[in-house]
Amino acid sequence: MKNIVHFGKYYFPDAGGIESVTGSLARGAARKGHAVTVVCFEKTAANRDEQIDGVRVVRAPIAKMVASQPLGLSYLTRCLREARDADVVHLHAPNMLGALGSLLMGKRPRLLVHWHSDVINKGILGKLLRPLETALLKRADSIVATSQVYADESATLRAFSDKITVVPIGIPDATLAAGIDVDPGLPVALEQGIIGRKLILAVGRLVPYKGFDVLIEAAKYLQPGTAVVIVGGGPLRDTLQAAIDAAGLSDTVYLAGRLSDSALHSLFVRASLYCMPSTYRAEAFGVVLLEAMAHGLPIVATDIPGSGVPWVNQHGLTGLNVPVSDPRALADACIRILSSTEEHARYAEGARARFLSEFTEDVSVKRMLSAYNQIIERDKHPAVAGNT
């Protein structure tokens, strides 16, 4: 049994791509009999410890937010305390205080840095973080990237290629819960708007890099009988709604806001196609694509240079990838799939098969436990240090 300590930003019930990955790996290792602790931030003002699905969760309050980075001395001290008896510290990056804690904990325990994304478009904060990132990656015993293409295209990671192991993200199989407590709970206007129509689903925070403005523009070209539902909240909601209204698309494109898990699941079940219109490599992997693939949905995504997205969505196998920020190409790809029963069925089958072979939670946990074993074994066999 290993003592595994995750340094993360947030944890369930707080939602997000990195949070879902942290939860999946923590639960999976706990099921295998390992002692697992997650140190994370608490959005209230108090320290709090609890057990969730066999995982010990240590929560520390946020003292200040700087460019979406939570900060707090209590978090740092909790990281250092939990690291003392750990066999492996698993840092989910980017995480400024988690990185600092990893450097302050000394040469032991072994450190695995899970590189979810480069720090992109953070201005002066990004520049200030670079020396910390470099020191962190030098200290790391192993660096996990979510796809080979992202590792190859990251200027930060290229200097440490000898330490990199690729472990694609995995998620639970949503279809296993298909009949459990499924209450759509959709707003009445949304339910009435999509009934009897082919549904294109998109999910994510309403922020610039998600490209939802491009999807709204693409909706002008879609065939009658098609509806687009965008699920998620964020700072661009009013701007996107104004664009929908100005284009006369209020009966075609629906901003659903944040929905319950059961309501979102019902939309995945009812959808005909999933669309990811993201515009740059802040979209490093696209975890929600796995949810679509688990449900056997064909995918239309963007061919983002240097991102793992076009690797996750295999062009011609699980769906189609189109140029970034091209509304007409996005619309044409959606129309092509929705208009062809044969093509739709082929991509649906390919999506489900690729999910089962590459992206289930069990597959991901197995690969990550192997990565832990490799760096622990180096203590016993120092001559192999540096190999991946």
Protein backbone atom coordinates (compact mmCIF):
# COMPACT_ATOMS: atom_id res chain seq x y z
CA MET A 1 0.00 0.00 0.00
CA LYS A 2 1.28 3.45 -0.91
CA ASN A 3 0.57 6.78 0.77
CA ILE A 4 -0.40 9.10 -2.09
CA VAL A 5 -0.97 12.82 -1.50
CA HIS A 6 -2.50 15.04 -4.19
CA PHE A 7 -1.88 18.79 -4.20
CA GLY A 8 -4.88 20.23 -6.05
CA LYS A 9 -6.74 23.52 -6.22
CA TYR A 10 -10.26 22.29 -5.56
CA TYR A 11 -12.08 19.00 -5.06
CA PHE A 12 -15.58 17.60 -5.21
CA PRO A 13 -18.21 19.01 -4.91
CA ASP A 14 -16.39 21.89 -6.64
CA ALA A 15 -16.57 21.15 -10.37
CA GLY A 16 -14.04 21.56 -13.15
CA GLY A 17 -11.86 19.62 -15.56
CA ILE A 18 -8.81 19.29 -13.30
CA GLU A 19 -11.06 18.61 -10.31
CA SER A 20 -12.74 15.72 -12.12
CA VAL A 21 -9.34 14.23 -13.01
CA THR A 22 -8.09 14.59 -9.43
CA GLY A 23 -11.23 12.91 -8.11
CA SER A 24 -11.07 10.08 -10.60
CA LEU A 25 -7.44 9.23 -9.83
CA ALA A 26 -7.84 9.63 -6.07
CA ARG A 27 -10.93 7.40 -5.92
CA GLY A 28 -9.35 4.86 -8.21
CA ALA A 29 -6.18 4.54 -6.12
CA ALA A 30 -8.26 4.30 -2.92
CA ARG A 31 -10.28 1.45 -4.43
CA LYS A 32 -7.00 -0.36 -5.07
CA GLY A 33 -6.20 -0.20 -1.36
CA HIS A 34 -3.86 2.80 -1.24
CA ALA A 35 -4.04 5.56 1.37
CA VAL A 36 -5.02 8.70 -0.55
CA THR A 37 -5.17 12.31 0.67
CA VAL A 38 -6.12 15.38 -1.37
CA VAL A 39 -5.06 18.83 -0.16
CA CYS A 40 -7.23 21.52 -1.73
CA PHE A 41 -8.74 24.94 -1.17
CA GLU A 42 -12.03 25.53 0.63
CA LYS A 43 -14.25 28.36 -0.56
CA THR A 44 -15.37 29.08 3.01
CA ALA A 45 -13.25 30.56 5.78
CA ALA A 46 -12.33 27.42 7.73
CA ASN A 47 -10.04 24.42 7.58
CA ARG A 48 -12.01 21.23 7.12
CA ASP A 49 -11.14 17.53 6.83
CA GLU A 50 -13.53 14.86 5.55
CA GLN A 51 -13.71 11.43 3.94
CA ILE A 52 -15.24 11.13 0.45
CA ASP A 53 -15.37 7.73 -1.30
CA GLY A 54 -12.39 6.45 0.67
CA VAL A 55 -10.32 9.59 0.03
CA ARG A 56 -9.23 11.86 2.87
CA VAL A 57 -9.87 15.46 1.77
CA VAL A 58 -7.97 18.23 3.56
CA ARG A 59 -9.46 21.65 2.82
CA ALA A 60 -7.77 25.00 3.54
CA PRO A 61 -9.40 28.46 3.25
CA ILE A 62 -8.60 30.92 0.47
CA ALA A 63 -6.98 34.11 1.72
CA LYS A 64 -6.80 35.83 -1.66
CA MET A 65 -7.42 35.24 -5.37
CA VAL A 66 -4.83 36.46 -7.92
CA ALA A 67 -5.65 35.89 -11.62
CA SER A 68 -7.76 32.81 -10.80
CA GLN A 69 -5.00 31.46 -8.54
CA PRO A 70 -6.21 30.81 -4.96
CA LEU A 71 -3.67 31.71 -2.27
CA GLY A 72 -3.48 31.05 1.47
CA LEU A 73 -0.77 30.24 4.00
CA SER A 74 -2.90 27.51 5.57
CA TYR A 75 -2.94 25.62 2.26
CA LEU A 76 0.85 25.71 2.06
CA THR A 77 1.30 24.46 5.62
CA ARG A 78 -1.23 21.66 5.09
CA CYS A 79 0.63 20.57 1.94
CA LEU A 80 3.93 20.39 3.79
CA ARG A 81 2.38 18.53 6.72
CA GLU A 82 0.73 15.88 4.55
CA ALA A 83 3.87 15.42 2.42
CA ARG A 84 5.97 14.28 5.39
CA ASP A 85 4.72 10.70 5.33
CA ALA A 86 3.86 10.43 1.63
CA ASP A 87 5.40 7.92 -0.74
CA VAL A 88 4.33 10.06 -3.71
CA VAL A 89 3.15 13.65 -3.94
CA HIS A 90 0.99 14.16 -7.02
CA LEU A 91 0.86 17.86 -7.94
CA HIS A 92 -1.82 19.03 -10.35
CA ALA A 93 -0.37 21.97 -12.29
CA PRO A 94 -0.82 24.86 -12.80
CA ASN A 95 -1.06 25.55 -9.07
CA MET A 96 1.21 28.28 -7.70
CA LEU A 97 1.10 27.37 -4.02
CA GLY A 98 1.13 23.66 -4.72
CA ALA A 99 4.29 24.16 -6.77
CA LEU A 100 5.89 26.15 -3.96
CA GLY A 101 4.96 23.46 -1.44
CA SER A 102 6.49 20.81 -3.71
CA LEU A 103 9.79 22.69 -3.72
CA LEU A 104 9.79 23.29 0.04
CA MET A 105 9.17 19.66 0.99
CA GLY A 106 12.74 18.62 0.17
CA LYS A 107 14.07 15.68 -1.83
CA ARG A 108 11.58 13.20 -0.40
CA PRO A 109 8.89 12.14 -1.06
CA ARG A 110 8.90 11.37 -4.77
CA LEU A 111 7.18 14.07 -6.83
CA LEU A 112 4.94 13.52 -9.84
CA VAL A 113 3.88 16.72 -11.62
CA HIS A 114 0.65 16.30 -13.57
CA TRP A 115 0.88 18.96 -16.29
CA HIS A 116 -2.71 19.74 -17.22
CA SER A 117 -1.92 22.93 -19.14
CA ASP A 118 0.68 25.60 -19.73
CA VAL A 119 -0.01 28.96 -18.10
CA ILE A 120 -1.51 30.89 -21.03
CA ASN A 121 -2.60 34.53 -21.33
CA LYS A 122 -1.83 35.38 -17.68
CA GLY A 123 0.32 38.45 -18.46
CA ILE A 124 2.74 39.47 -15.76
CA LEU A 125 1.66 36.59 -13.51
CA GLY A 126 2.65 34.12 -16.21
CA LYS A 127 6.12 35.68 -16.45
CA LEU A 128 6.55 35.60 -12.70
CA LEU A 129 5.57 31.93 -12.61
CA ARG A 130 8.14 30.76 -15.17
CA PRO A 131 11.11 30.48 -12.77
CA LEU A 132 8.88 28.61 -10.31
CA GLU A 133 7.73 26.25 -13.08
CA THR A 134 11.30 25.60 -14.19
CA ALA A 135 12.43 24.83 -10.64
CA LEU A 136 9.40 22.59 -10.15
CA LEU A 137 10.06 20.55 -13.29
CA LYS A 138 13.72 20.17 -12.37
CA ARG A 139 12.65 18.83 -8.98
CA ALA A 140 10.03 16.48 -10.42
CA ASP A 141 10.80 12.77 -10.52
CA SER A 142 8.20 12.34 -13.25
CA ILE A 143 6.06 14.65 -15.38
CA VAL A 144 2.73 13.39 -16.65
CA ALA A 145 1.28 14.94 -19.79
CA THR A 146 -2.25 14.19 -20.96
CA SER A 147 -1.24 13.71 -24.61
CA GLN A 148 2.00 13.38 -26.53
CA VAL A 149 1.07 16.21 -28.88
CA TYR A 150 0.67 18.64 -25.99
CA ALA A 151 3.99 17.56 -24.48
CA ASP A 152 5.73 18.00 -27.84
CA GLU A 153 4.29 21.47 -28.44
CA SER A 154 4.76 22.89 -24.94
CA ALA A 155 7.84 25.11 -24.85
CA THR A 156 7.96 24.60 -21.08
CA LEU A 157 7.88 20.80 -21.23
CA ARG A 158 10.23 20.24 -24.17
CA ALA A 159 13.31 20.81 -22.01
CA PHE A 160 12.21 17.93 -19.74
CA SER A 161 11.20 15.37 -22.35
CA ASP A 162 13.26 12.62 -20.61
CA LYS A 163 10.94 12.84 -17.57
CA ILE A 164 7.62 12.78 -19.42
CA THR A 165 5.10 9.96 -19.29
CA VAL A 166 1.81 10.29 -21.17
CA VAL A 167 -1.29 9.30 -19.22
CA PRO A 168 -4.50 10.29 -21.03
CA ILE A 169 -7.38 11.40 -18.84
CA GLY A 170 -10.07 8.87 -18.01
CA ILE A 171 -13.59 9.25 -16.62
CA PRO A 172 -16.28 6.90 -15.25
CA ASP A 173 -18.50 5.29 -17.86
CA ALA A 174 -21.63 7.45 -17.81
CA THR A 175 -23.75 4.75 -19.41
CA LEU A 176 -23.40 2.58 -16.30
CA ALA A 177 -25.57 5.13 -14.47
CA ALA A 178 -27.97 5.66 -17.37
CA GLY A 179 -31.01 4.41 -15.49
CA ILE A 180 -30.22 5.81 -12.07
CA ASP A 181 -32.13 8.85 -10.80
CA VAL A 182 -32.33 10.54 -14.19
CA ASP A 183 -34.52 13.59 -13.65
CA PRO A 184 -34.03 16.00 -16.57
CA GLY A 185 -35.01 19.04 -14.52
CA LEU A 186 -34.67 21.27 -17.59
CA PRO A 187 -36.11 24.78 -17.64
CA VAL A 188 -39.52 24.76 -19.33
CA ALA A 189 -38.46 27.09 -22.15
CA LEU A 190 -35.43 24.92 -22.92
CA GLU A 191 -37.46 21.71 -22.87
CA GLN A 192 -40.03 23.19 -25.23
CA GLY A 193 -37.33 24.61 -27.50
CA ILE A 194 -35.47 21.34 -28.12
CA ILE A 195 -38.28 18.81 -28.22
CA GLY A 196 -38.49 17.04 -31.57
CA ARG A 197 -35.29 18.66 -32.89
CA LYS A 198 -31.79 17.39 -33.58
CA LEU A 199 -29.70 18.60 -30.65
CA ILE A 200 -26.12 19.86 -30.83
CA LEU A 201 -24.68 19.99 -27.32
CA ALA A 202 -21.74 22.05 -26.04
CA VAL A 203 -20.54 22.31 -22.42
CA GLY A 204 -18.04 24.61 -20.74
CA ARG A 205 -17.37 27.85 -18.93
CA LEU A 206 -18.48 30.92 -20.84
CA VAL A 207 -14.98 32.29 -21.34
CA PRO A 208 -13.19 33.46 -24.52
CA TYR A 209 -11.10 30.39 -25.37
CA LYS A 210 -14.16 28.11 -25.44
CA GLY A 211 -15.19 29.68 -28.76
CA PHE A 212 -18.92 29.75 -28.08
CA ASP A 213 -19.17 32.98 -30.06
CA VAL A 214 -18.00 30.97 -33.08
CA LEU A 215 -20.65 28.32 -32.44
CA ILE A 216 -23.35 30.99 -32.25
CA GLU A 217 -22.17 32.40 -35.59
CA ALA A 218 -22.17 28.87 -37.04
CA ALA A 219 -25.78 28.38 -35.94
CA LYS A 220 -26.85 30.83 -38.67
CA TYR A 221 -26.00 28.16 -41.26
CA LEU A 222 -27.57 25.11 -39.61
CA GLN A 223 -30.52 23.36 -41.17
CA PRO A 224 -34.07 23.84 -39.82
CA GLY A 225 -35.01 21.41 -37.11
CA THR A 226 -31.65 21.77 -35.32
CA ALA A 227 -31.14 23.26 -31.86
CA VAL A 228 -27.89 24.20 -30.10
CA VAL A 229 -27.67 24.02 -26.30
CA ILE A 230 -24.65 25.51 -24.50
CA VAL A 231 -24.39 24.40 -20.86
CA GLY A 232 -22.31 26.37 -18.36
CA GLY A 233 -21.93 29.71 -16.65
CA GLY A 234 -19.28 32.38 -16.81
CA PRO A 235 -18.45 36.02 -17.45
CA LEU A 236 -19.47 36.04 -21.13
CA ARG A 237 -23.07 35.00 -20.58
CA ASP A 238 -24.58 38.45 -21.24
CA THR A 239 -22.30 39.03 -24.24
CA LEU A 240 -23.21 35.68 -25.79
CA GLN A 241 -26.93 36.15 -25.15
CA ALA A 242 -26.73 39.57 -26.83
CA ALA A 243 -25.09 37.95 -29.87
CA ILE A 244 -27.83 35.31 -29.99
CA ASP A 245 -30.56 37.95 -29.82
CA ALA A 246 -28.88 40.23 -32.39
CA ALA A 247 -28.60 37.33 -34.86
CA GLY A 248 -32.25 36.33 -34.38
CA LEU A 249 -31.22 32.92 -33.06
CA SER A 250 -33.14 32.88 -29.77
CA ASP A 251 -35.21 29.91 -31.02
CA THR A 252 -32.10 28.01 -32.16
CA VAL A 253 -29.34 28.61 -29.59
CA TYR A 254 -30.05 28.21 -25.87
CA LEU A 255 -27.75 29.19 -23.01
CA ALA A 256 -28.81 26.68 -20.40
CA GLY A 257 -26.58 27.95 -17.59
CA ARG A 258 -25.29 25.52 -14.97
CA LEU A 259 -27.34 22.33 -14.70
CA SER A 260 -27.51 19.45 -12.25
CA ASP A 261 -25.61 16.28 -13.12
CA SER A 262 -28.86 14.47 -13.89
CA ALA A 263 -30.10 17.26 -16.17
CA LEU A 264 -26.78 17.37 -18.02
CA HIS A 265 -26.82 13.60 -18.36
CA SER A 266 -30.29 13.78 -19.91
CA LEU A 267 -28.98 16.24 -22.52
CA PHE A 268 -26.09 13.93 -23.41
CA VAL A 269 -28.60 11.10 -23.84
CA ARG A 270 -30.85 13.22 -26.06
CA ALA A 271 -28.11 14.91 -28.10
CA SER A 272 -27.38 13.95 -31.69
CA LEU A 273 -23.90 15.47 -31.77
CA TYR A 274 -21.34 17.11 -29.48
CA CYS A 275 -19.52 20.28 -30.55
CA MET A 276 -16.31 21.76 -29.10
CA PRO A 277 -15.51 25.08 -30.85
CA SER A 278 -12.53 26.07 -28.64
CA THR A 279 -10.06 28.47 -30.21
CA TYR A 280 -6.63 28.04 -28.59
CA ARG A 281 -4.54 25.65 -26.56
CA ALA A 282 -5.79 26.74 -23.16
CA GLU A 283 -8.12 23.90 -24.17
CA ALA A 284 -5.37 21.38 -23.57
CA PHE A 285 -7.34 18.12 -23.73
CA GLY A 286 -11.10 18.60 -23.60
CA VAL A 287 -12.27 16.35 -20.75
CA VAL A 288 -15.90 16.84 -21.73
CA LEU A 289 -15.14 15.16 -25.06
CA LEU A 290 -14.76 11.93 -23.09
CA GLU A 291 -18.26 12.36 -21.69
CA ALA A 292 -19.57 12.70 -25.24
CA MET A 293 -17.63 9.64 -26.38
CA ALA A 294 -18.89 7.62 -23.42
CA HIS A 295 -22.41 8.39 -24.61
CA GLY A 296 -21.53 7.37 -28.16
CA LEU A 297 -21.91 10.86 -29.60
CA PRO A 298 -20.19 11.91 -32.83
CA ILE A 299 -18.00 14.97 -32.24
CA VAL A 300 -17.20 18.12 -34.17
CA ALA A 301 -14.16 19.83 -32.67
CA THR A 302 -11.50 22.30 -33.72
CA ASP A 303 -8.01 21.50 -34.94
CA ILE A 304 -6.26 23.56 -32.26
CA PRO A 305 -2.50 23.72 -32.93
CA GLY A 306 -0.50 22.21 -30.07
CA SER A 307 -3.57 20.95 -28.20
CA GLY A 308 -4.60 17.39 -27.42
CA VAL A 309 -8.16 18.06 -28.63
CA PRO A 310 -7.68 16.86 -32.24
CA TRP A 311 -5.89 13.78 -30.90
CA VAL A 312 -8.77 12.96 -28.54
CA ASN A 313 -11.32 13.47 -31.32
CA GLN A 314 -9.80 11.35 -34.09
CA HIS A 315 -10.77 12.90 -37.43
CA GLY A 316 -12.72 10.38 -39.48
CA LEU A 317 -13.03 7.92 -36.58
CA THR A 318 -14.92 9.65 -33.75
CA GLY A 319 -16.03 12.72 -35.69
CA LEU A 320 -14.59 15.66 -37.60
CA ASN A 321 -12.03 18.36 -36.76
CA VAL A 322 -12.31 21.73 -38.48
CA PRO A 323 -10.16 24.89 -38.60
CA VAL A 324 -10.23 27.15 -35.56
CA SER A 325 -12.58 30.18 -35.59
CA ASP A 326 -14.31 29.17 -38.84
CA PRO A 327 -18.09 29.29 -38.27
CA ARG A 328 -18.96 28.03 -41.75
CA ALA A 329 -16.64 25.02 -41.48
CA LEU A 330 -18.06 24.26 -38.03
CA ALA A 331 -21.62 24.40 -39.36
CA ASP A 332 -20.81 22.34 -42.47
CA ALA A 333 -19.26 19.57 -40.36
CA CYS A 334 -22.32 19.46 -38.09
CA ILE A 335 -24.67 19.39 -41.09
CA ARG A 336 -22.64 16.64 -42.75
CA ILE A 337 -22.88 14.33 -39.74
CA LEU A 338 -26.51 15.11 -38.92
CA SER A 339 -27.56 14.59 -42.55
CA SER A 340 -26.00 11.15 -42.98
CA THR A 341 -27.41 8.22 -41.02
CA GLU A 342 -24.46 6.06 -42.09
CA GLU A 343 -21.79 8.62 -41.15
CA HIS A 344 -23.48 9.46 -37.86
CA ALA A 345 -23.63 5.77 -36.91
CA ARG A 346 -19.98 5.20 -37.88
CA TYR A 347 -18.70 8.08 -35.75
CA ALA A 348 -20.97 7.16 -32.85
CA GLU A 349 -19.57 3.62 -32.85
CA GLY A 350 -16.01 4.92 -33.21
CA ALA A 351 -16.46 7.35 -30.32
CA ARG A 352 -17.77 4.69 -27.95
CA ALA A 353 -15.04 2.20 -28.94
CA ARG A 354 -12.26 4.78 -28.48
CA PHE A 355 -13.62 5.73 -25.08
CA LEU A 356 -13.58 2.11 -23.91
CA SER A 357 -10.04 1.47 -25.15
CA GLU A 358 -8.33 4.71 -24.07
CA PHE A 359 -10.35 6.92 -21.75
CA THR A 360 -12.13 4.97 -19.03
CA GLU A 361 -11.36 5.69 -15.39
CA ASP A 362 -10.01 2.17 -14.88
CA VAL A 363 -7.53 2.50 -17.75
CA SER A 364 -6.34 5.90 -16.52
CA VAL A 365 -5.94 4.76 -12.90
CA LYS A 366 -3.96 1.70 -13.99
CA ARG A 367 -1.59 3.86 -16.03
CA MET A 368 -1.13 6.38 -13.22
CA LEU A 369 -0.40 3.70 -10.63
CA SER A 370 2.23 2.36 -13.02
CA ALA A 371 3.77 5.86 -13.18
CA TYR A 372 3.91 5.95 -9.36
CA ASN A 373 5.59 2.55 -9.30
CA GLN A 374 8.25 3.64 -11.77
CA ILE A 375 9.47 6.54 -9.67
CA ILE A 376 9.30 4.57 -6.41
CA GLU A 377 11.30 1.74 -7.97
CA ARG A 378 14.06 4.21 -8.87
CA ASP A 379 14.83 4.52 -5.16
CA LYS A 380 15.56 0.79 -5.15
CA HIS A 381 17.45 0.86 -8.46
CA PRO A 382 19.17 4.27 -8.76
CA ALA A 383 20.97 3.29 -11.94
CA VAL A 384 17.73 3.62 -13.94
CA ALA A 385 17.02 7.16 -12.72
CA GLY A 386 16.13 9.46 -15.58
CA ASN A 387 14.50 6.77 -17.71
CA THR A 388 10.78 6.98 -18.40
